[in-house]
Structures are given as C-alpha cells and as structure tokens.
Amino acid sequence: MAVSLVAGAGMTACAVLQQVARAQQDRHVLLRISYWTRDVPVPDRTGQWVRVVEDVLRQPSFGAHESWEAAQLACSLAQTAHPGGQLRPAGNDWG
C-alpha cells in the first residue's frame, strides 16, 4: 500500500522507492515498484530511475518468481538507453 502511495508522486518518488527496493525482499512490493518504473515515460527517466530498476532486478526473489516482469524491466532499461533505437542524446540528466 505504501509503495502505491509513494509511486503516485511520480519521479519525486525515486529516492524513496530506491530505498524500498534495496531493503525489500517481498516480490509483491518489488512488483509494484516495477509497475511504477515502467509507467515513467522514457524522456523523464533519470540515472536514479535506472538505479531503482537495477535494485529491483538484483533481488533474487523478484527474478525467481517474476521472470516475465524481470524481462520487461530489462527491456525498459534498453529502451531508456536507446530510445527509438538510437543512443540517448548527450546532455541527458543521468547523474
């Protein structure tokens, strides 16, 4: 429930969701975070967004029980790095 509330804050939720993703093993919580990450439009994704995705993917319980979702997140990372099949433009806000 808390993840849903925080996720409603958009990109400002990144820092909180990153902490939750690192600390949480519950796959249902991680699944809700993965839904949030995929809902963020590609142009709005930042380096912090990438770290949230990586933290979710690092959790063994997520990959073991949510392999389809894990593949979707990996695809989201690729789309972020190569929007429209092109390299992300210079001067992006990944930090």
PDB file of N, CA and C in Angstrom:
ATOM      1  N   MET A   1       0.825  -1.184   0.000  1.00  0.00           N
ATOM      2  CA  MET A   1       0.000   0.000   0.000  1.00  0.00           C
ATOM      3  C   MET A   1       0.879   1.261   0.000  1.00  0.00           C
ATOM      4  N   ALA A   2       1.902   1.257   0.831  1.00  0.00           N
ATOM      5  CA  ALA A   2       2.772   2.435   0.921  1.00  0.00           C
ATOM      6  C   ALA A   2       3.462   2.705  -0.406  1.00  0.00           C
ATOM      7  N   VAL A   3       3.862   1.649  -1.116  1.00  0.00           N
ATOM      8  CA  VAL A   3       4.521   1.833  -2.406  1.00  0.00           C
ATOM      9  C   VAL A   3       3.557   2.505  -3.383  1.00  0.00           C
ATOM     10  N   SER A   4       2.299   2.114  -3.360  1.00  0.00           N
ATOM     11  CA  SER A   4       1.310   2.730  -4.246  1.00  0.00           C
ATOM     12  C   SER A   4       1.151   4.215  -3.957  1.00  0.00           C
ATOM     13  N   LEU A   5       1.133   4.571  -2.697  1.00  0.00           N
ATOM     14  CA  LEU A   5       1.005   5.976  -2.326  1.00  0.00           C
ATOM     15  C   LEU A   5       2.212   6.784  -2.771  1.00  0.00           C
ATOM     16  N   VAL A   6       3.393   6.251  -2.527  1.00  0.00           N
ATOM     17  CA  VAL A   6       4.620   6.952  -2.896  1.00  0.00           C
ATOM     18  C   VAL A   6       4.746   7.033  -4.411  1.00  0.00           C
ATOM     19  N   ALA A   7       4.391   5.954  -5.095  1.00  0.00           N
ATOM     20  CA  ALA A   7       4.512   5.917  -6.546  1.00  0.00           C
ATOM     21  C   ALA A   7       3.655   6.982  -7.215  1.00  0.00           C
ATOM     22  N   GLY A   8       2.582   7.381  -6.559  1.00  0.00           N
ATOM     23  CA  GLY A   8       1.727   8.428  -7.104  1.00  0.00           C
ATOM     24  C   GLY A   8       2.415   9.778  -7.196  1.00  0.00           C
ATOM     25  N   ALA A   9       3.564   9.919  -6.569  1.00  0.00           N
ATOM     26  CA  ALA A   9       4.300  11.188  -6.582  1.00  0.00           C
ATOM     27  C   ALA A   9       5.167  11.341  -7.829  1.00  0.00           C
ATOM     28  N   GLY A  10       5.134  10.379  -8.725  1.00  0.00           N
ATOM     29  CA  GLY A  10       5.923  10.469  -9.955  1.00  0.00           C
ATOM     30  C   GLY A  10       7.408  10.319  -9.698  1.00  0.00           C
ATOM     31  N   MET A  11       8.203  11.051 -10.463  1.00  0.00           N
ATOM     32  CA  MET A  11       9.662  10.928 -10.365  1.00  0.00           C
ATOM     33  C   MET A  11      10.202  11.382  -9.014  1.00  0.00           C
ATOM     34  N   THR A  12       9.447  12.186  -8.282  1.00  0.00           N
ATOM     35  CA  THR A  12       9.918  12.595  -6.957  1.00  0.00           C
ATOM     36  C   THR A  12       9.951  11.417  -5.999  1.00  0.00           C
ATOM     37  N   ALA A  13       9.331  10.308  -6.384  1.00  0.00           N
ATOM     38  CA  ALA A  13       9.306   9.112  -5.544  1.00  0.00           C
ATOM     39  C   ALA A  13      10.558   8.257  -5.696  1.00  0.00           C
ATOM     40  N   CYS A  14      11.415   8.597  -6.636  1.00  0.00           N
ATOM     41  CA  CYS A  14      12.596   7.775  -6.930  1.00  0.00           C
ATOM     42  C   CYS A  14      13.421   7.434  -5.689  1.00  0.00           C
ATOM     43  N   ALA A  15      13.765   8.419  -4.903  1.00  0.00           N
ATOM     44  CA  ALA A  15      14.648   8.185  -3.753  1.00  0.00           C
ATOM     45  C   ALA A  15      14.017   7.224  -2.757  1.00  0.00           C
ATOM     46  N   VAL A  16      12.745   7.407  -2.474  1.00  0.00           N
ATOM     47  CA  VAL A  16      12.061   6.522  -1.519  1.00  0.00           C
ATOM     48  C   VAL A  16      11.937   5.118  -2.094  1.00  0.00           C
ATOM     49  N   LEU A  17      11.542   5.009  -3.352  1.00  0.00           N
ATOM     50  CA  LEU A  17      11.386   3.694  -3.965  1.00  0.00           C
ATOM     51  C   LEU A  17      12.723   2.970  -4.092  1.00  0.00           C
ATOM     52  N   GLN A  18      13.789   3.719  -4.267  1.00  0.00           N
ATOM     53  CA  GLN A  18      15.112   3.087  -4.328  1.00  0.00           C
ATOM     54  C   GLN A  18      15.465   2.468  -2.980  1.00  0.00           C
ATOM     55  N   GLN A  19      15.178   3.169  -1.906  1.00  0.00           N
ATOM     56  CA  GLN A  19      15.430   2.622  -0.569  1.00  0.00           C
ATOM     57  C   GLN A  19      14.583   1.381  -0.315  1.00  0.00           C
ATOM     58  N   VAL A  20      13.329   1.432  -0.721  1.00  0.00           N
ATOM     59  CA  VAL A  20      12.438   0.283  -0.533  1.00  0.00           C
ATOM     60  C   VAL A  20      12.927  -0.902  -1.355  1.00  0.00           C
ATOM     61  N   ALA A  21      13.315  -0.652  -2.605  1.00  0.00           N
ATOM     62  CA  ALA A  21      13.778  -1.732  -3.480  1.00  0.00           C
ATOM     63  C   ALA A  21      15.028  -2.401  -2.931  1.00  0.00           C
ATOM     64  N   ARG A  22      15.897  -1.640  -2.305  1.00  0.00           N
ATOM     65  CA  ARG A  22      17.123  -2.214  -1.729  1.00  0.00           C
ATOM     66  C   ARG A  22      16.849  -3.029  -0.470  1.00  0.00           C
ATOM     67  N   ALA A  23      15.846  -2.605   0.288  1.00  0.00           N
ATOM     68  CA  ALA A  23      15.594  -3.232   1.586  1.00  0.00           C
ATOM     69  C   ALA A  23      14.536  -4.324   1.536  1.00  0.00           C
ATOM     70  N   GLN A  24      13.741  -4.347   0.511  1.00  0.00           N
ATOM     71  CA  GLN A  24      12.563  -5.212   0.491  1.00  0.00           C
ATOM     72  C   GLN A  24      12.820  -6.490  -0.297  1.00  0.00           C
ATOM     73  N   GLN A  25      12.439  -7.620   0.272  1.00  0.00           N
ATOM     74  CA  GLN A  25      12.546  -8.899  -0.427  1.00  0.00           C
ATOM     75  C   GLN A  25      11.190  -9.387  -0.938  1.00  0.00           C
ATOM     76  N   ASP A  26      10.117  -8.785  -0.458  1.00  0.00           N
ATOM     77  CA  ASP A  26       8.774  -9.223  -0.835  1.00  0.00           C
ATOM     78  C   ASP A  26       8.533  -8.963  -2.321  1.00  0.00           C
ATOM     79  N   ARG A  27       8.302 -10.014  -3.053  1.00  0.00           N
ATOM     80  CA  ARG A  27       8.172  -9.867  -4.513  1.00  0.00           C
ATOM     81  C   ARG A  27       6.972  -9.035  -4.921  1.00  0.00           C
ATOM     82  N   HIS A  28       5.924  -9.007  -4.084  1.00  0.00           N
ATOM     83  CA  HIS A  28       4.739  -8.213  -4.422  1.00  0.00           C
ATOM     84  C   HIS A  28       5.046  -6.713  -4.341  1.00  0.00           C
ATOM     85  N   VAL A  29       5.856  -6.334  -3.370  1.00  0.00           N
ATOM     86  CA  VAL A  29       6.283  -4.932  -3.259  1.00  0.00           C
ATOM     87  C   VAL A  29       7.183  -4.588  -4.440  1.00  0.00           C
ATOM     88  N   LEU A  30       8.109  -5.476  -4.741  1.00  0.00           N
ATOM     89  CA  LEU A  30       9.014  -5.248  -5.867  1.00  0.00           C
ATOM     90  C   LEU A  30       8.237  -5.201  -7.184  1.00  0.00           C
ATOM     91  N   LEU A  31       7.194  -6.003  -7.291  1.00  0.00           N
ATOM     92  CA  LEU A  31       6.364  -5.996  -8.489  1.00  0.00           C
ATOM     93  C   LEU A  31       5.680  -4.647  -8.655  1.00  0.00           C
ATOM     94  N   ARG A  32       5.177  -4.096  -7.563  1.00  0.00           N
ATOM     95  CA  ARG A  32       4.524  -2.777  -7.621  1.00  0.00           C
ATOM     96  C   ARG A  32       5.532  -1.697  -8.019  1.00  0.00           C
ATOM     97  N   ILE A  33       6.764  -1.796  -7.520  1.00  0.00           N
ATOM     98  CA  ILE A  33       7.802  -0.833  -7.918  1.00  0.00           C
ATOM     99  C   ILE A  33       8.107  -0.996  -9.408  1.00  0.00           C
ATOM    100  N   SER A  34       8.144  -2.235  -9.884  1.00  0.00           N
ATOM    101  CA  SER A  34       8.421  -2.456 -11.309  1.00  0.00           C
ATOM    102  C   SER A  34       7.331  -1.851 -12.175  1.00  0.00           C
ATOM    103  N   TYR A  35       6.074  -1.921 -11.736  1.00  0.00           N
ATOM    104  CA  TYR A  35       4.984  -1.291 -12.491  1.00  0.00           C
ATOM    105  C   TYR A  35       5.215   0.220 -12.559  1.00  0.00           C
ATOM    106  N   TRP A  36       5.610   0.787 -11.432  1.00  0.00           N
ATOM    107  CA  TRP A  36       5.867   2.231 -11.396  1.00  0.00           C
ATOM    108  C   TRP A  36       6.964   2.597 -12.388  1.00  0.00           C
ATOM    109  N   THR A  37       8.068   1.833 -12.385  1.00  0.00           N
ATOM    110  CA  THR A  37       9.197   2.175 -13.253  1.00  0.00           C
ATOM    111  C   THR A  37       8.788   2.131 -14.716  1.00  0.00           C
ATOM    112  N   ARG A  38       7.974   1.158 -15.074  1.00  0.00           N
ATOM    113  CA  ARG A  38       7.571   1.044 -16.474  1.00  0.00           C
ATOM    114  C   ARG A  38       6.586   2.128 -16.884  1.00  0.00           C
ATOM    115  N   ASP A  39       5.894   2.723 -15.917  1.00  0.00           N
ATOM    116  CA  ASP A  39       4.946   3.798 -16.223  1.00  0.00           C
ATOM    117  C   ASP A  39       5.615   5.156 -16.441  1.00  0.00           C
ATOM    118  N   VAL A  40       6.879   5.269 -16.049  1.00  0.00           N
ATOM    119  CA  VAL A  40       7.593   6.543 -16.225  1.00  0.00           C
ATOM    120  C   VAL A  40       7.940   6.694 -17.706  1.00  0.00           C
ATOM    121  N   PRO A  41       7.527   7.785 -18.331  1.00  0.00           N
ATOM    122  CA  PRO A  41       7.850   7.988 -19.750  1.00  0.00           C
ATOM    123  C   PRO A  41       9.367   8.014 -19.982  1.00  0.00           C
ATOM    124  N   VAL A  42       9.794   7.467 -21.101  1.00  0.00           N
ATOM    125  CA  VAL A  42      11.231   7.370 -21.401  1.00  0.00           C
ATOM    126  C   VAL A  42      11.950   8.716 -21.272  1.00  0.00           C
ATOM    127  N   PRO A  43      11.418   9.809 -21.782  1.00  0.00           N
ATOM    128  CA  PRO A  43      12.154  11.085 -21.671  1.00  0.00           C
ATOM    129  C   PRO A  43      12.341  11.553 -20.222  1.00  0.00           C
ATOM    130  N   ASP A  44      11.488  11.080 -19.313  1.00  0.00           N
ATOM    131  CA  ASP A  44      11.569  11.507 -17.915  1.00  0.00           C
ATOM    132  C   ASP A  44      12.498  10.640 -17.070  1.00  0.00           C
ATOM    133  N   ARG A  45      12.979   9.542 -17.613  1.00  0.00           N
ATOM    134  CA  ARG A  45      13.811   8.612 -16.848  1.00  0.00           C
ATOM    135  C   ARG A  45      15.200   9.205 -16.607  1.00  0.00           C
ATOM    136  N   THR A  46      15.668   9.060 -15.380  1.00  0.00           N
ATOM    137  CA  THR A  46      16.957   9.616 -14.966  1.00  0.00           C
ATOM    138  C   THR A  46      17.879   8.502 -14.494  1.00  0.00           C
ATOM    139  N   GLY A  47      19.080   8.887 -14.117  1.00  0.00           N
ATOM    140  CA  GLY A  47      20.014   7.917 -13.547  1.00  0.00           C
ATOM    141  C   GLY A  47      19.451   7.280 -12.286  1.00  0.00           C
ATOM    142  N   GLN A  48      18.728   8.049 -11.511  1.00  0.00           N
ATOM    143  CA  GLN A  48      18.129   7.496 -10.295  1.00  0.00           C
ATOM    144  C   GLN A  48      17.055   6.466 -10.653  1.00  0.00           C
ATOM    145  N   TRP A  49      16.314   6.709 -11.707  1.00  0.00           N
ATOM    146  CA  TRP A  49      15.326   5.746 -12.179  1.00  0.00           C
ATOM    147  C   TRP A  49      16.035   4.437 -12.537  1.00  0.00           C
ATOM    148  N   VAL A  50      17.164   4.550 -13.243  1.00  0.00           N
ATOM    149  CA  VAL A  50      17.940   3.368 -13.627  1.00  0.00           C
ATOM    150  C   VAL A  50      18.362   2.588 -12.381  1.00  0.00           C
ATOM    151  N   ARG A  51      18.804   3.294 -11.338  1.00  0.00           N
ATOM    152  CA  ARG A  51      19.231   2.618 -10.109  1.00  0.00           C
ATOM    153  C   ARG A  51      18.067   1.904  -9.422  1.00  0.00           C
ATOM    154  N   VAL A  52      16.869   2.475  -9.474  1.00  0.00           N
ATOM    155  CA  VAL A  52      15.698   1.797  -8.900  1.00  0.00           C
ATOM    156  C   VAL A  52      15.454   0.490  -9.653  1.00  0.00           C
ATOM    157  N   VAL A  53      15.482   0.539 -10.975  1.00  0.00           N
ATOM    158  CA  VAL A  53      15.279  -0.662 -11.789  1.00  0.00           C
ATOM    159  C   VAL A  53      16.349  -1.702 -11.474  1.00  0.00           C
ATOM    160  N   GLU A  54      17.593  -1.274 -11.415  1.00  0.00           N
ATOM    161  CA  GLU A  54      18.685  -2.213 -11.116  1.00  0.00           C
ATOM    162  C   GLU A  54      18.509  -2.838  -9.736  1.00  0.00           C
ATOM    163  N   ASP A  55      18.080  -2.060  -8.756  1.00  0.00           N
ATOM    164  CA  ASP A  55      17.891  -2.590  -7.409  1.00  0.00           C
ATOM    165  C   ASP A  55      16.773  -3.632  -7.375  1.00  0.00           C
ATOM    166  N   VAL A  56      15.716  -3.405  -8.132  1.00  0.00           N
ATOM    167  CA  VAL A  56      14.634  -4.398  -8.200  1.00  0.00           C
ATOM    168  C   VAL A  56      15.154  -5.670  -8.861  1.00  0.00           C
ATOM    169  N   LEU A  57      15.868  -5.514  -9.971  1.00  0.00           N
ATOM    170  CA  LEU A  57      16.375  -6.678 -10.698  1.00  0.00           C
ATOM    171  C   LEU A  57      17.409  -7.470  -9.896  1.00  0.00           C
ATOM    172  N   ARG A  58      18.093  -6.824  -8.980  1.00  0.00           N
ATOM    173  CA  ARG A  58      19.102  -7.513  -8.155  1.00  0.00           C
ATOM    174  C   ARG A  58      18.487  -8.420  -7.087  1.00  0.00           C
ATOM    175  N   GLN A  59      17.237  -8.205  -6.762  1.00  0.00           N
ATOM    176  CA  GLN A  59      16.606  -9.001  -5.701  1.00  0.00           C
ATOM    177  C   GLN A  59      16.308 -10.405  -6.229  1.00  0.00           C
ATOM    178  N   PRO A  60      16.916 -11.428  -5.623  1.00  0.00           N
ATOM    179  CA  PRO A  60      16.723 -12.802  -6.106  1.00  0.00           C
ATOM    180  C   PRO A  60      15.258 -13.230  -6.130  1.00  0.00           C
ATOM    181  N   SER A  61      14.479 -12.796  -5.157  1.00  0.00           N
ATOM    182  CA  SER A  61      13.073 -13.213  -5.106  1.00  0.00           C
ATOM    183  C   SER A  61      12.297 -12.683  -6.306  1.00  0.00           C
ATOM    184  N   PHE A  62      12.676 -11.527  -6.812  1.00  0.00           N
ATOM    185  CA  PHE A  62      11.964 -10.951  -7.950  1.00  0.00           C
ATOM    186  C   PHE A  62      12.250 -11.745  -9.219  1.00  0.00           C
ATOM    187  N   GLY A  63      13.507 -11.969  -9.491  1.00  0.00           N
ATOM    188  CA  GLY A  63      13.865 -12.721 -10.699  1.00  0.00           C
ATOM    189  C   GLY A  63      13.387 -14.159 -10.683  1.00  0.00           C
ATOM    190  N   ALA A  64      13.378 -14.761  -9.502  1.00  0.00           N
ATOM    191  CA  ALA A  64      12.968 -16.158  -9.395  1.00  0.00           C
ATOM    192  C   ALA A  64      11.470 -16.344  -9.603  1.00  0.00           C
ATOM    193  N   HIS A  65      10.674 -15.405  -9.117  1.00  0.00           N
ATOM    194  CA  HIS A  65       9.223 -15.571  -9.167  1.00  0.00           C
ATOM    195  C   HIS A  65       8.539 -14.699 -10.212  1.00  0.00           C
ATOM    196  N   GLU A  66       9.214 -13.706 -10.704  1.00  0.00           N
ATOM    197  CA  GLU A  66       8.624 -12.764 -11.657  1.00  0.00           C
ATOM    198  C   GLU A  66       9.527 -12.638 -12.885  1.00  0.00           C
ATOM    199  N   SER A  67       9.824 -13.763 -13.515  1.00  0.00           N
ATOM    200  CA  SER A  67      10.772 -13.736 -14.630  1.00  0.00           C
ATOM    201  C   SER A  67      10.250 -12.903 -15.803  1.00  0.00           C
ATOM    202  N   TRP A  68       8.953 -12.949 -16.075  1.00  0.00           N
ATOM    203  CA  TRP A  68       8.404 -12.148 -17.168  1.00  0.00           C
ATOM    204  C   TRP A  68       8.550 -10.666 -16.863  1.00  0.00           C
ATOM    205  N   GLU A  69       8.218 -10.278 -15.643  1.00  0.00           N
ATOM    206  CA  GLU A  69       8.354  -8.870 -15.240  1.00  0.00           C
ATOM    207  C   GLU A  69       9.811  -8.441 -15.262  1.00  0.00           C
ATOM    208  N   ALA A  70      10.711  -9.328 -14.838  1.00  0.00           N
ATOM    209  CA  ALA A  70      12.144  -9.008 -14.868  1.00  0.00           C
ATOM    210  C   ALA A  70      12.592  -8.744 -16.306  1.00  0.00           C
ATOM    211  N   ALA A  71      12.092  -9.538 -17.238  1.00  0.00           N
ATOM    212  CA  ALA A  71      12.425  -9.328 -18.649  1.00  0.00           C
ATOM    213  C   ALA A  71      11.854  -7.991 -19.148  1.00  0.00           C
ATOM    214  N   GLN A  72      10.662  -7.641 -18.701  1.00  0.00           N
ATOM    215  CA  GLN A  72      10.055  -6.370 -19.079  1.00  0.00           C
ATOM    216  C   GLN A  72      10.888  -5.191 -18.555  1.00  0.00           C
ATOM    217  N   LEU A  73      11.393  -5.331 -17.314  1.00  0.00           N
ATOM    218  CA  LEU A  73      12.237  -4.268 -16.753  1.00  0.00           C
ATOM    219  C   LEU A  73      13.540  -4.137 -17.527  1.00  0.00           C
ATOM    220  N   ALA A  74      14.119  -5.277 -17.887  1.00  0.00           N
ATOM    221  CA  ALA A  74      15.354  -5.239 -18.674  1.00  0.00           C
ATOM    222  C   ALA A  74      15.101  -4.559 -20.017  1.00  0.00           C
ATOM    223  N   CYS A  75      13.955  -4.820 -20.613  1.00  0.00           N
ATOM    224  CA  CYS A  75      13.584  -4.167 -21.868  1.00  0.00           C
ATOM    225  C   CYS A  75      13.410  -2.664 -21.654  1.00  0.00           C
ATOM    226  N   SER A  76      12.838  -2.275 -20.519  1.00  0.00           N
ATOM    227  CA  SER A  76      12.683  -0.851 -20.196  1.00  0.00           C
ATOM    228  C   SER A  76      14.038  -0.161 -20.093  1.00  0.00           C
ATOM    229  N   LEU A  77      15.005  -0.863 -19.512  1.00  0.00           N
ATOM    230  CA  LEU A  77      16.361  -0.304 -19.434  1.00  0.00           C
ATOM    231  C   LEU A  77      16.929  -0.079 -20.830  1.00  0.00           C
ATOM    232  N   ALA A  78      16.743  -1.070 -21.696  1.00  0.00           N
ATOM    233  CA  ALA A  78      17.254  -0.940 -23.064  1.00  0.00           C
ATOM    234  C   ALA A  78      16.569   0.210 -23.791  1.00  0.00           C
ATOM    235  N   GLN A  79      15.260   0.356 -23.608  1.00  0.00           N
ATOM    236  CA  GLN A  79      14.531   1.458 -24.245  1.00  0.00           C
ATOM    237  C   GLN A  79      15.005   2.811 -23.715  1.00  0.00           C
ATOM    238  N   THR A  80      15.395   2.832 -22.463  1.00  0.00           N
ATOM    239  CA  THR A  80      15.866   4.072 -21.851  1.00  0.00           C
ATOM    240  C   THR A  80      17.237   4.454 -22.404  1.00  0.00           C
ATOM    241  N   ALA A  81      18.102   3.466 -22.551  1.00  0.00           N
ATOM    242  CA  ALA A  81      19.445   3.731 -23.068  1.00  0.00           C
ATOM    243  C   ALA A  81      19.422   4.027 -24.561  1.00  0.00           C
ATOM    244  N   HIS A  82      18.452   3.449 -25.266  1.00  0.00           N
ATOM    245  CA  HIS A  82      18.378   3.584 -26.724  1.00  0.00           C
ATOM    246  C   HIS A  82      16.953   3.943 -27.154  1.00  0.00           C
ATOM    247  N   PRO A  83      16.465   5.126 -26.759  1.00  0.00           N
ATOM    248  CA  PRO A  83      15.093   5.485 -27.144  1.00  0.00           C
ATOM    249  C   PRO A  83      14.940   5.532 -28.663  1.00  0.00           C
ATOM    250  N   GLY A  84      13.920   4.830 -29.138  1.00  0.00           N
ATOM    251  CA  GLY A  84      13.702   4.799 -30.592  1.00  0.00           C
ATOM    252  C   GLY A  84      14.806   4.088 -31.338  1.00  0.00           C
ATOM    253  N   GLY A  85      15.577   3.256 -30.646  1.00  0.00           N
ATOM    254  CA  GLY A  85      16.672   2.528 -31.268  1.00  0.00           C
ATOM    255  C   GLY A  85      17.942   3.342 -31.435  1.00  0.00           C
ATOM    256  N   GLN A  86      17.948   4.569 -30.932  1.00  0.00           N
ATOM    257  CA  GLN A  86      19.106   5.454 -31.037  1.00  0.00           C
ATOM    258  C   GLN A  86      19.757   5.617 -29.665  1.00  0.00           C
ATOM    259  N   LEU A  87      21.016   6.008 -29.656  1.00  0.00           N
ATOM    260  CA  LEU A  87      21.664   6.303 -28.385  1.00  0.00           C
ATOM    261  C   LEU A  87      20.995   7.495 -27.728  1.00  0.00           C
ATOM    262  N   ARG A  88      20.964   7.497 -26.419  1.00  0.00           N
ATOM    263  CA  ARG A  88      20.394   8.626 -25.684  1.00  0.00           C
ATOM    264  C   ARG A  88      21.230   9.873 -25.998  1.00  0.00           C
ATOM    265  N   PRO A  89      20.588  11.011 -26.218  1.00  0.00           N
ATOM    266  CA  PRO A  89      21.346  12.215 -26.603  1.00  0.00           C
ATOM    267  C   PRO A  89      22.296  12.697 -25.511  1.00  0.00           C
ATOM    268  N   ALA A  90      23.346  13.355 -25.932  1.00  0.00           N
ATOM    269  CA  ALA A  90      24.300  13.940 -24.992  1.00  0.00           C
ATOM    270  C   ALA A  90      23.570  15.007 -24.172  1.00  0.00           C
ATOM    271  N   GLY A  91      24.035  15.216 -22.958  1.00  0.00           N
ATOM    272  CA  GLY A  91      23.418  16.215 -22.112  1.00  0.00           C
ATOM    273  C   GLY A  91      22.199  15.704 -21.369  1.00  0.00           C
ATOM    274  N   ASN A  92      22.032  14.376 -21.332  1.00  0.00           N
ATOM    275  CA  ASN A  92      20.896  13.852 -20.588  1.00  0.00           C
ATOM    276  C   ASN A  92      21.130  14.076 -19.099  1.00  0.00           C
ATOM    277  N   ASP A  93      20.107  13.857 -18.322  1.00  0.00           N
ATOM    278  CA  ASP A  93      20.215  14.164 -16.893  1.00  0.00           C
ATOM    279  C   ASP A  93      20.517  12.943 -16.032  1.00  0.00           C
ATOM    280  N   TRP A  94      21.183  11.962 -16.606  1.00  0.00           N
ATOM    281  CA  TRP A  94      21.581  10.806 -15.801  1.00  0.00           C
ATOM    282  C   TRP A  94      22.752  11.241 -14.951  1.00  0.00           C
ATOM    283  N   GLY A  95      22.623  11.047 -13.664  1.00  0.00           N
ATOM    284  CA  GLY A  95      23.707  11.502 -12.798  1.00  0.00           C
ATOM    285  C   GLY A  95      24.196  10.499 -11.843  1.00  0.00           C
TER     286      GLY A  95
END
